[in-house]
Amino acid sequence: MSVSLSKGGNVSLSKTAPSMKNVLVGLGWDARSTDGQDFDLDASAFLLAANGKVRGDADFIFYNNLKSADGSVTHTGDNRTGEGDGDDESLKIKLDAGT
């Protein structure tokens, strides 16, 4: 299953694909082709506890903390240019981790 979202878009995976076990969230952009400042987008994720809160810094997955302690979320690395085809950064998420 593949879903492309625009700014502000969302999808309910529990309704659309309730048996899904793994998700790949990809972020893609094109390198600047006009004048102006270069820019960099960064994929990141916050892991929330049952109370809906982040427990600490280790629960923030990003280019400087590539993997959650339980292995449920992995960041594939930082792309600073947006050059090339396809996704420039991505997060691999195991939905059934810890169950």
Protein backbone atom coordinates (compact mmCIF):
# COMPACT_ATOMS: atom_id res chain seq x y z
CA MET A 1 0.00 0.00 0.00
CA SER A 2 1.32 3.43 -0.91
CA VAL A 3 -0.11 6.77 0.22
CA SER A 4 1.08 10.21 -0.85
CA LEU A 5 0.09 13.08 1.42
CA SER A 6 0.13 16.80 0.79
CA LYS A 7 0.63 19.49 3.41
CA GLY A 8 -1.96 19.02 6.16
CA GLY A 9 -3.00 15.58 4.91
CA ASN A 10 -3.46 12.50 7.08
CA VAL A 11 -4.50 8.87 6.87
CA SER A 12 -5.83 6.48 9.51
CA LEU A 13 -3.72 3.34 9.19
CA SER A 14 -5.84 1.52 11.79
CA LYS A 15 -8.87 1.96 9.51
CA THR A 16 -7.18 1.69 6.09
CA ALA A 17 -4.81 -1.21 6.83
CA PRO A 18 -5.49 -2.65 10.31
CA SER A 19 -3.14 -5.63 9.83
CA MET A 20 -0.17 -3.49 8.74
CA LYS A 21 3.00 -4.24 10.74
CA ASN A 22 5.61 -1.96 9.13
CA VAL A 23 5.48 1.58 7.77
CA LEU A 24 8.03 3.53 5.77
CA VAL A 25 7.50 7.29 5.98
CA GLY A 26 9.42 9.01 3.20
CA LEU A 27 10.20 12.68 2.79
CA GLY A 28 11.31 13.96 -0.60
CA TRP A 29 12.18 17.37 -1.97
CA ASP A 30 14.03 18.81 -4.92
CA ALA A 31 17.24 20.79 -4.70
CA ARG A 32 16.82 24.52 -5.26
CA SER A 33 16.97 25.35 -8.96
CA THR A 34 16.57 29.14 -8.59
CA ASP A 35 18.34 31.89 -6.72
CA GLY A 36 17.99 32.03 -2.96
CA GLN A 37 19.07 30.16 0.13
CA ASP A 38 19.55 26.41 0.05
CA PHE A 39 17.24 24.53 2.40
CA ASP A 40 17.18 21.23 4.24
CA LEU A 41 14.18 19.24 5.45
CA ASP A 42 14.56 16.77 8.31
CA ALA A 43 12.41 13.73 9.04
CA SER A 44 11.82 13.15 12.76
CA ALA A 45 9.52 11.30 15.13
CA PHE A 46 8.50 11.60 18.78
CA LEU A 47 7.75 8.35 20.61
CA LEU A 48 4.87 8.77 23.05
CA ALA A 49 4.26 6.77 26.21
CA ALA A 50 0.78 5.51 27.15
CA ASN A 51 0.09 8.88 28.79
CA GLY A 52 0.67 10.68 25.47
CA LYS A 53 3.94 12.28 26.59
CA VAL A 54 7.55 11.88 25.51
CA ARG A 55 9.58 10.18 28.27
CA GLY A 56 12.87 11.89 27.42
CA ASP A 57 15.39 12.90 24.76
CA ALA A 58 15.92 9.28 23.67
CA ASP A 59 12.32 9.25 22.41
CA PHE A 60 13.12 11.90 19.76
CA ILE A 61 14.28 10.09 16.61
CA PHE A 62 16.10 12.30 14.09
CA TYR A 63 19.40 12.62 12.17
CA ASN A 64 21.44 12.68 15.40
CA ASN A 65 19.56 9.83 17.14
CA LEU A 66 18.88 7.32 14.37
CA LYS A 67 17.21 4.47 16.27
CA SER A 68 14.82 4.13 19.18
CA ALA A 69 15.97 2.06 22.16
CA ASP A 70 13.36 -0.62 21.45
CA GLY A 71 14.12 -0.68 17.70
CA SER A 72 10.59 0.34 16.73
CA VAL A 73 11.70 3.43 14.78
CA THR A 74 14.79 3.85 12.59
CA HIS A 75 15.84 7.02 10.77
CA THR A 76 17.71 6.16 7.56
CA GLY A 77 20.07 9.16 7.69
CA ASP A 78 20.36 12.84 6.88
CA ASN A 79 20.18 14.15 3.31
CA ARG A 80 21.02 17.85 3.27
CA THR A 81 20.57 18.60 -0.43
CA GLY A 82 17.41 16.94 -1.76
CA GLU A 83 19.36 15.80 -4.81
CA GLY A 84 18.46 12.55 -6.56
CA ASP A 85 15.18 10.77 -7.19
CA GLY A 86 12.71 9.37 -4.68
CA ASP A 87 12.66 9.87 -0.93
CA ASP A 88 15.52 11.89 0.52
CA GLU A 89 14.97 10.88 4.16
CA SER A 90 12.78 8.21 5.69
CA LEU A 91 11.65 6.64 8.93
CA LYS A 92 11.09 2.89 9.23
CA ILE A 93 8.42 2.14 11.83
CA LYS A 94 7.52 -1.26 13.32
CA LEU A 95 3.92 -0.91 14.49
CA ASP A 96 3.93 -4.18 16.43
CA ALA A 97 7.15 -3.54 18.40
CA GLY A 98 6.75 -4.25 22.08
CA THR A 99 3.56 -6.28 21.67
